[in-house]
N, C-alpha and C. Protein backbone atom coordinates (compact mmCIF):
# COMPACT_ATOMS: atom_id res chain seq x y z
N MET A 1 17.25 23.03 12.31
CA MET A 1 16.14 22.36 12.27
C MET A 1 16.91 20.99 11.86
N GLY A 2 17.77 20.98 10.87
CA GLY A 2 18.37 20.02 10.75
C GLY A 2 17.95 18.83 9.41
N THR A 3 16.85 19.75 8.66
CA THR A 3 16.02 18.82 7.51
C THR A 3 16.39 19.86 6.24
N TRP A 4 16.81 19.28 5.49
CA TRP A 4 17.12 19.74 3.97
C TRP A 4 16.22 19.57 2.99
N GLY A 5 15.08 18.64 3.14
CA GLY A 5 14.42 18.23 2.22
C GLY A 5 13.25 17.44 2.75
N THR A 6 12.56 17.01 1.79
CA THR A 6 11.29 16.36 2.19
C THR A 6 11.39 14.77 2.25
N ALA A 7 12.42 14.32 1.65
CA ALA A 7 12.46 12.64 1.74
C ALA A 7 12.84 12.17 3.33
N ILE A 8 12.70 10.55 3.21
CA ILE A 8 12.73 10.22 4.84
C ILE A 8 13.94 10.44 5.26
N PHE A 9 15.17 10.43 4.70
CA PHE A 9 16.29 10.59 5.14
C PHE A 9 16.87 11.99 4.78
N ASP A 10 16.42 12.93 4.47
CA ASP A 10 16.77 14.50 4.30
C ASP A 10 16.59 15.06 5.71
N ASP A 11 17.16 14.32 6.63
CA ASP A 11 17.26 14.99 8.11
C ASP A 11 18.37 14.74 8.98
N ASP A 12 18.95 15.38 9.78
CA ASP A 12 20.08 15.04 10.39
C ASP A 12 19.60 13.71 11.37
N VAL A 13 18.64 13.77 11.88
CA VAL A 13 18.22 12.61 13.16
C VAL A 13 18.21 11.23 12.10
N ALA A 14 17.55 11.26 11.05
CA ALA A 14 17.39 10.16 10.25
C ALA A 14 18.79 9.60 9.76
N MET A 15 19.65 10.63 9.33
CA MET A 15 20.81 10.07 8.97
C MET A 15 21.83 9.55 10.02
N ASP A 16 21.56 10.24 11.13
CA ASP A 16 22.16 9.61 12.41
C ASP A 16 21.79 8.36 12.57
N ALA A 17 20.40 8.13 12.64
CA ALA A 17 20.01 6.62 12.89
C ALA A 17 20.56 5.43 11.80
N ARG A 18 20.47 6.04 10.44
CA ARG A 18 21.28 5.36 9.46
C ARG A 18 22.47 4.91 9.83
N GLY A 19 23.28 5.88 10.34
CA GLY A 19 24.61 5.54 10.59
C GLY A 19 24.73 4.31 11.74
N THR A 20 24.08 4.55 12.66
CA THR A 20 24.10 3.60 13.97
C THR A 20 23.58 2.29 13.54
N PHE A 21 22.39 2.13 12.65
CA PHE A 21 21.96 0.97 11.90
C PHE A 21 23.09 0.36 11.15
N ASP A 22 23.65 1.13 10.09
CA ASP A 22 24.58 0.69 9.43
C ASP A 22 25.73 -0.09 9.91
N ASP A 23 26.18 0.83 11.02
CA ASP A 23 27.54 0.33 11.94
C ASP A 23 27.14 -1.15 12.54
N ALA A 24 26.09 -1.00 13.04
CA ALA A 24 25.86 -2.34 13.55
C ALA A 24 25.66 -3.59 12.38
N LEU A 25 25.05 -3.09 11.42
CA LEU A 25 25.32 -4.31 10.44
C LEU A 25 26.51 -4.59 10.10
N VAL A 26 27.49 -3.70 10.03
CA VAL A 26 28.87 -4.11 9.72
C VAL A 26 29.62 -4.68 10.73
N GLU A 27 29.19 -4.60 11.91
CA GLU A 27 29.41 -5.50 13.07
C GLU A 27 29.05 -6.78 12.99
N GLY A 28 27.98 -7.08 12.01
CA GLY A 28 27.36 -8.53 12.02
C GLY A 28 26.12 -8.62 12.69
N LEU A 29 25.56 -7.69 13.10
CA LEU A 29 24.37 -7.86 13.80
C LEU A 29 23.26 -7.98 12.83
N SER A 30 22.23 -8.74 13.11
CA SER A 30 21.02 -8.81 12.48
C SER A 30 20.20 -7.42 12.37
N VAL A 31 19.51 -7.24 11.27
CA VAL A 31 18.52 -6.28 11.07
C VAL A 31 17.71 -5.99 12.47
N PRO A 32 16.94 -7.29 13.15
CA PRO A 32 16.59 -7.05 14.15
C PRO A 32 17.20 -6.32 15.35
N ALA A 33 18.48 -6.75 15.69
CA ALA A 33 19.62 -6.48 16.44
C ALA A 33 19.86 -5.00 16.27
N ALA A 34 20.02 -4.52 14.92
CA ALA A 34 20.50 -3.30 14.62
C ALA A 34 19.44 -2.33 14.98
N THR A 35 18.17 -2.73 14.77
CA THR A 35 17.10 -1.83 14.95
C THR A 35 16.88 -1.62 16.62
N GLN A 36 17.17 -2.46 17.34
CA GLN A 36 17.28 -2.67 18.98
C GLN A 36 18.26 -1.56 19.45
N ARG A 37 19.61 -1.38 18.42
CA ARG A 37 20.68 -0.54 18.82
C ARG A 37 20.07 0.86 18.53
N VAL A 38 19.42 0.97 17.39
CA VAL A 38 19.06 2.32 17.35
C VAL A 38 17.86 2.77 18.27
N ARG A 39 17.01 1.87 18.33
CA ARG A 39 16.14 2.33 19.53
C ARG A 39 16.57 2.70 20.80
N GLU A 40 17.67 1.94 21.26
CA GLU A 40 18.36 2.15 22.49
C GLU A 40 19.09 3.26 22.53
N GLU A 41 19.75 3.72 21.42
CA GLU A 41 20.69 4.89 21.44
C GLU A 41 19.55 6.05 21.14
N TYR A 42 18.46 6.11 20.59
CA TYR A 42 17.37 7.18 20.54
C TYR A 42 16.23 7.04 21.50
N ALA A 43 16.47 5.94 22.57
CA ALA A 43 15.39 6.22 23.48
C ALA A 43 14.79 7.29 23.99
N GLU A 44 15.76 8.25 24.13
CA GLU A 44 15.33 9.82 24.93
C GLU A 44 14.57 10.47 23.92
N ILE A 45 14.56 10.26 22.61
CA ILE A 45 13.90 11.19 21.68
C ILE A 45 12.69 10.51 21.06
N LEU A 46 12.65 8.99 21.10
CA LEU A 46 11.48 8.31 20.52
C LEU A 46 10.23 9.00 21.08
N ASP A 47 9.94 9.44 22.15
CA ASP A 47 8.63 10.25 22.61
C ASP A 47 8.70 11.60 22.11
N ASP A 48 9.55 12.19 21.67
CA ASP A 48 9.62 13.74 21.39
C ASP A 48 8.64 13.89 20.01
N PRO A 49 7.87 14.52 19.98
CA PRO A 49 6.88 14.82 19.00
C PRO A 49 7.50 15.41 17.59
N ASP A 50 8.75 15.82 17.62
CA ASP A 50 9.71 16.27 16.40
C ASP A 50 10.36 15.31 15.90
N GLU A 51 11.25 14.67 16.94
CA GLU A 51 12.17 13.75 16.49
C GLU A 51 11.76 12.14 16.35
N GLY A 52 11.18 11.93 17.34
CA GLY A 52 10.53 10.43 17.56
C GLY A 52 10.01 10.00 16.09
N PRO A 53 8.96 10.60 15.35
CA PRO A 53 8.67 10.49 14.13
C PRO A 53 9.55 9.99 13.10
N VAL A 54 10.55 11.15 13.07
CA VAL A 54 11.76 11.08 12.18
C VAL A 54 12.37 9.45 12.13
N VAL A 55 12.53 9.05 13.57
CA VAL A 55 13.23 8.08 13.87
C VAL A 55 12.60 6.59 13.57
N ARG A 56 11.17 6.58 13.65
CA ARG A 56 10.31 5.54 13.52
C ARG A 56 10.22 5.50 12.01
N LEU A 57 10.31 6.45 11.27
CA LEU A 57 10.13 6.45 9.64
C LEU A 57 11.49 6.04 9.18
N ALA A 58 12.50 6.56 9.72
CA ALA A 58 13.98 6.06 9.37
C ALA A 58 14.14 4.46 9.34
N LEU A 59 13.89 4.03 10.82
CA LEU A 59 13.88 2.58 11.06
C LEU A 59 12.93 1.77 10.22
N ALA A 60 11.73 1.92 9.71
CA ALA A 60 11.16 1.44 8.70
C ALA A 60 11.72 1.35 7.35
N GLY A 61 12.40 2.56 7.12
CA GLY A 61 13.01 2.80 5.65
C GLY A 61 14.37 1.85 5.63
N LEU A 62 15.02 1.94 6.63
CA LEU A 62 16.12 1.12 6.86
C LEU A 62 15.87 -0.46 6.64
N GLN A 63 14.86 -0.81 7.22
CA GLN A 63 14.26 -2.34 7.14
C GLN A 63 13.95 -2.68 5.88
N LEU A 64 13.28 -1.26 5.22
CA LEU A 64 12.60 -1.97 3.71
C LEU A 64 14.00 -1.86 2.87
N GLU A 65 14.97 -1.33 3.21
CA GLU A 65 16.21 -1.26 2.27
C GLU A 65 17.12 -2.68 2.52
N GLN A 66 16.76 -3.02 3.50
CA GLN A 66 17.30 -4.58 3.76
C GLN A 66 16.33 -5.61 3.38
N GLY A 67 15.19 -5.30 3.06
CA GLY A 67 14.27 -6.37 2.86
C GLY A 67 14.10 -7.33 4.01
N ALA A 68 13.78 -6.46 5.14
CA ALA A 68 13.48 -7.34 6.28
C ALA A 68 12.60 -6.30 7.01
N LEU A 69 11.56 -6.03 6.56
CA LEU A 69 10.58 -5.11 7.59
C LEU A 69 9.75 -5.85 8.65
N GLN A 70 10.01 -5.38 9.72
CA GLN A 70 9.47 -5.88 10.78
C GLN A 70 7.90 -5.37 11.11
N PRO A 71 7.05 -6.30 11.74
CA PRO A 71 5.76 -5.76 11.86
C PRO A 71 5.55 -4.47 12.79
N GLY A 72 6.38 -4.56 13.88
CA GLY A 72 6.26 -3.37 14.61
C GLY A 72 6.83 -1.87 13.98
N ALA A 73 8.18 -1.94 13.24
CA ALA A 73 8.27 -0.82 12.66
C ALA A 73 7.36 -0.19 11.45
N GLN A 74 6.45 -1.61 10.83
CA GLN A 74 5.80 -1.12 9.98
C GLN A 74 4.55 -0.38 10.66
N ARG A 75 4.15 -0.89 11.80
CA ARG A 75 2.87 -0.24 12.22
C ARG A 75 3.33 1.26 13.04
N GLU A 76 4.47 1.13 13.28
CA GLU A 76 4.95 2.52 13.88
C GLU A 76 4.97 3.55 12.85
N ALA A 77 5.62 3.33 11.80
CA ALA A 77 5.81 4.04 10.75
C ALA A 77 4.37 4.53 10.08
N LEU A 78 3.62 3.51 9.73
CA LEU A 78 2.10 3.88 9.31
C LEU A 78 1.37 4.59 10.26
N ALA A 79 1.63 4.34 11.49
CA ALA A 79 0.64 5.42 12.58
C ALA A 79 1.33 6.78 12.38
N VAL A 80 2.81 7.28 12.23
CA VAL A 80 3.28 8.37 12.19
C VAL A 80 2.47 8.83 11.04
N ILE A 81 2.50 8.27 9.89
CA ILE A 81 2.17 8.73 8.33
C ILE A 81 0.42 9.02 8.58
N ASP A 82 -0.13 8.13 9.49
CA ASP A 82 -1.56 8.35 9.21
C ASP A 82 -2.15 9.32 10.31
N GLN A 83 -1.13 9.73 11.53
CA GLN A 83 -1.62 10.28 12.36
C GLN A 83 -0.99 11.73 12.12
N GLY A 84 -0.24 12.09 11.03
CA GLY A 84 0.09 13.13 10.73
C GLY A 84 1.53 13.92 11.88
N GLN A 85 2.15 12.91 12.26
CA GLN A 85 3.04 13.20 13.25
C GLN A 85 4.50 13.63 12.83
N GLY A 86 5.03 14.74 13.30
CA GLY A 86 6.09 15.12 12.83
C GLY A 86 6.10 16.30 11.61
N LEU A 87 4.66 16.65 11.07
CA LEU A 87 4.47 17.40 9.91
C LEU A 87 4.93 18.91 10.49
N ASP A 88 5.25 19.25 11.51
CA ASP A 88 5.32 20.65 11.97
C ASP A 88 6.43 21.58 11.31
N ARG A 89 7.19 20.82 11.25
CA ARG A 89 8.69 21.48 10.51
C ARG A 89 8.43 21.85 9.06
N TRP A 90 7.54 20.86 8.35
CA TRP A 90 7.26 21.31 7.01
C TRP A 90 6.11 22.36 6.86
N GLU A 91 5.25 22.49 7.95
CA GLU A 91 4.26 23.43 7.99
C GLU A 91 5.07 24.91 8.20
N GLU A 92 5.82 24.98 8.96
CA GLU A 92 6.72 26.25 9.11
C GLU A 92 7.64 26.68 7.94
N ALA A 93 7.91 25.40 6.92
CA ALA A 93 8.72 25.70 5.93
C ALA A 93 7.81 26.19 4.73
N GLY A 94 6.45 26.29 4.92
CA GLY A 94 5.66 26.65 3.85
C GLY A 94 4.88 25.64 3.18
N GLU A 95 3.62 26.03 2.54
CA GLU A 95 2.97 24.99 1.95
C GLU A 95 3.49 24.04 0.87
N GLU A 96 4.45 24.44 0.07
CA GLU A 96 4.98 23.61 -1.04
C GLU A 96 5.87 22.50 -0.21
N SER A 97 6.44 23.10 0.73
CA SER A 97 7.20 21.92 1.33
C SER A 97 6.29 20.72 2.15
N LEU A 98 5.16 21.53 2.65
CA LEU A 98 4.28 20.58 3.24
C LEU A 98 3.54 19.67 2.25
N ALA A 99 3.35 20.10 1.11
CA ALA A 99 2.67 19.26 0.38
C ALA A 99 3.78 18.18 -0.29
N GLU A 100 4.97 18.66 -0.60
CA GLU A 100 5.76 17.63 -1.04
C GLU A 100 6.23 16.64 0.19
N ARG A 101 6.36 16.88 1.32
CA ARG A 101 6.52 15.72 2.28
C ARG A 101 5.31 14.86 2.61
N LYS A 102 4.07 15.45 2.19
CA LYS A 102 3.08 14.86 2.44
C LYS A 102 2.82 13.77 0.97
N GLN A 103 3.30 14.20 -0.01
CA GLN A 103 3.72 13.27 -1.10
C GLN A 103 4.74 12.14 -0.70
N VAL A 104 5.86 12.41 -0.29
CA VAL A 104 6.70 11.66 -0.01
C VAL A 104 6.26 10.36 1.01
N LEU A 105 5.30 11.03 1.91
CA LEU A 105 4.94 10.06 3.19
C LEU A 105 4.03 9.20 2.27
N GLU A 106 3.02 9.29 1.65
CA GLU A 106 2.06 8.68 1.17
C GLU A 106 2.62 7.65 0.35
N ALA A 107 3.83 7.90 -0.84
CA ALA A 107 4.54 7.05 -1.34
C ALA A 107 5.25 5.87 -0.47
N PHE A 108 5.74 6.42 0.61
CA PHE A 108 6.45 5.78 1.69
C PHE A 108 5.52 4.74 2.25
N LYS A 109 4.16 5.43 2.24
CA LYS A 109 3.16 4.56 3.03
C LYS A 109 2.66 3.23 2.27
N ALA A 110 2.53 3.33 0.85
CA ALA A 110 2.14 2.38 -0.08
C ALA A 110 3.33 1.46 -0.12
N ARG A 111 4.68 1.94 0.01
CA ARG A 111 5.83 0.65 -0.13
C ARG A 111 5.90 -0.07 0.94
N LEU A 112 5.38 0.66 2.26
CA LEU A 112 5.10 -0.08 3.59
C LEU A 112 4.16 -1.10 3.68
N ARG A 113 2.95 -0.77 2.82
CA ARG A 113 1.82 -1.63 2.94
C ARG A 113 2.06 -2.82 1.94
N SER A 114 2.85 -2.54 0.95
CA SER A 114 3.04 -3.59 -0.31
C SER A 114 4.09 -4.53 0.04
N ALA A 115 5.11 -4.01 1.15
CA ALA A 115 6.47 -4.72 1.07
C ALA A 115 6.19 -6.15 2.24
N PRO A 116 6.69 -7.33 1.76
CA PRO A 116 6.82 -8.44 2.62
C PRO A 116 7.29 -8.10 4.07
N VAL A 117 6.54 -8.55 5.09
CA VAL A 117 6.94 -8.27 6.24
C VAL A 117 7.70 -9.59 7.01
N SER A 118 8.80 -9.55 7.55
CA SER A 118 9.41 -10.41 8.10
C SER A 118 8.59 -11.01 9.34
N PRO A 119 8.91 -12.15 9.86
CA PRO A 119 8.11 -12.68 11.20
C PRO A 119 8.68 -12.06 12.23
N GLY A 120 8.13 -11.94 13.38
CA GLY A 120 8.48 -11.49 14.41
C GLY A 120 8.38 -9.92 14.71
N ASP A 121 8.91 -9.28 15.47
CA ASP A 121 8.78 -7.96 16.09
C ASP A 121 10.11 -7.61 16.25
């Protein structure tokens, strides 16, 4: 499964996306360019119902960490949360894990809504 906890980055795919994003920043790319690199590298799984939501949440989290949340990433992450996308793996893990994940997502949603949004997409 590649998931070891309920936090946004407690997932192999999310950590891989973080690595790609961080590498791009080290190379001197901007946050939007690093985001685009992740989108390109993970293009094949963005539509996957299990892994696509993980990447979308990770991108929003990475942008939040950089203080550069983009409107598109914010919208996508909020849609993932509001539509309950990608929760299957926590349903399979049991009610306690599912409840924890939902709490994490609600807190993340509050952060997304209250964060300043950078101009552009």
